[in-house]
Amino acid sequence: MVKNVFKIDGMYCSMCESHVNDAIRAAFPGVKVKSDHASGVCEVLSENGIDPEKAAEALGKTGYKVISSSSGPYEKKSFFKRLFK
């Protein structure tokens, strides 16, 4: 799994979060998306990662601007890993 993190300008409420999530899901079917308007961050989990330029283009069509992006491997933390970390 790969985790892409986007810093987004223009998210001001929970409805904005929904618009961002919907735009990413439409451009990249089968991904898991979570956005937070308070921090201006959108996290996307996928099998092989997503193209940051294509994500910025998809979000730009809805009026949001990607300020920065990063990606890296994602490892799901199990209950026991959290306990004994």
Protein backbone atom coordinates (compact mmCIF):
# COMPACT_ATOMS: atom_id res chain seq x y z
CA MET A 1 0.00 0.00 0.00
CA VAL A 2 1.08 3.55 -0.76
CA LYS A 3 -0.03 6.66 1.11
CA ASN A 4 -0.20 9.93 -0.83
CA VAL A 5 -0.63 13.11 1.21
CA PHE A 6 -1.79 16.35 -0.41
CA LYS A 7 -1.80 19.81 1.17
CA ILE A 8 -4.83 21.54 -0.34
CA ASP A 9 -5.83 25.19 -0.47
CA GLY A 10 -9.53 26.00 -0.47
CA MET A 11 -11.06 23.50 1.96
CA TYR A 12 -13.10 25.42 4.53
CA CYS A 13 -15.80 23.01 5.75
CA SER A 14 -16.93 19.40 5.84
CA MET A 15 -18.72 19.83 2.50
CA CYS A 16 -15.38 20.83 0.97
CA GLU A 17 -13.92 17.60 2.35
CA SER A 18 -16.68 15.66 0.57
CA HIS A 19 -16.01 17.45 -2.72
CA VAL A 20 -12.29 16.69 -2.50
CA ASN A 21 -12.94 13.04 -1.60
CA ASP A 22 -15.43 12.64 -4.46
CA ALA A 23 -13.04 14.22 -6.98
CA ILE A 24 -10.20 11.87 -5.97
CA ARG A 25 -12.47 8.80 -6.02
CA ALA A 26 -13.77 9.73 -9.47
CA ALA A 27 -10.23 10.12 -10.85
CA PHE A 28 -8.85 7.04 -9.07
CA PRO A 29 -11.49 4.35 -8.47
CA GLY A 30 -10.76 1.90 -5.67
CA VAL A 31 -8.77 4.20 -3.40
CA LYS A 32 -9.42 5.11 0.22
CA VAL A 33 -9.60 8.88 0.81
CA LYS A 34 -9.72 10.95 3.98
CA SER A 35 -9.67 14.76 4.01
CA ASP A 36 -9.53 17.26 6.85
CA HIS A 37 -10.47 20.89 6.21
CA ALA A 38 -8.96 22.12 9.51
CA SER A 39 -5.46 21.01 8.51
CA GLY A 40 -6.01 21.29 4.74
CA VAL A 41 -4.76 17.75 4.19
CA CYS A 42 -6.06 14.92 2.02
CA GLU A 43 -4.68 11.39 2.50
CA VAL A 44 -5.11 8.77 -0.21
CA LEU A 45 -4.36 5.07 0.26
CA SER A 46 -3.95 2.90 -2.81
CA GLU A 47 -2.22 -0.27 -3.98
CA ASN A 48 0.37 1.37 -6.23
CA GLY A 49 0.15 5.09 -5.48
CA ILE A 50 -1.50 7.75 -7.60
CA ASP A 51 -0.13 10.34 -9.99
CA PRO A 52 0.12 13.66 -8.09
CA GLU A 53 -0.27 15.69 -11.28
CA LYS A 54 -3.47 13.86 -12.23
CA ALA A 55 -4.79 14.37 -8.68
CA ALA A 56 -3.97 18.09 -8.83
CA GLU A 57 -5.75 18.32 -12.19
CA ALA A 58 -8.84 16.52 -10.84
CA LEU A 59 -8.97 18.79 -7.79
CA GLY A 60 -8.32 21.90 -9.87
CA LYS A 61 -11.47 21.20 -11.87
CA THR A 62 -13.47 21.46 -8.64
CA GLY A 63 -11.79 24.71 -7.51
CA TYR A 64 -9.19 23.35 -5.07
CA LYS A 65 -5.45 23.85 -5.42
CA VAL A 66 -2.79 21.33 -4.43
CA ILE A 67 0.01 23.18 -2.64
CA SER A 68 2.27 20.19 -2.04
CA SER A 69 2.25 16.42 -2.18
CA SER A 70 4.24 13.53 -0.78
CA SER A 71 4.04 9.76 -0.90
CA GLY A 72 5.49 6.79 0.89
CA PRO A 73 4.81 3.22 1.88
CA TYR A 74 1.86 2.65 4.19
CA GLU A 75 1.86 -0.03 6.84
CA LYS A 76 -1.36 -0.68 8.66
CA LYS A 77 -0.77 -0.60 12.39
CA SER A 78 -2.43 -3.45 14.19
CA PHE A 79 -3.74 -3.24 17.73
CA PHE A 80 -0.72 -5.11 19.08
CA LYS A 81 1.81 -2.95 17.26
CA ARG A 82 0.22 0.13 18.86
CA LEU A 83 0.37 -1.48 22.30
CA PHE A 84 4.00 -2.53 22.17
CA LYS A 85 5.50 0.36 20.23
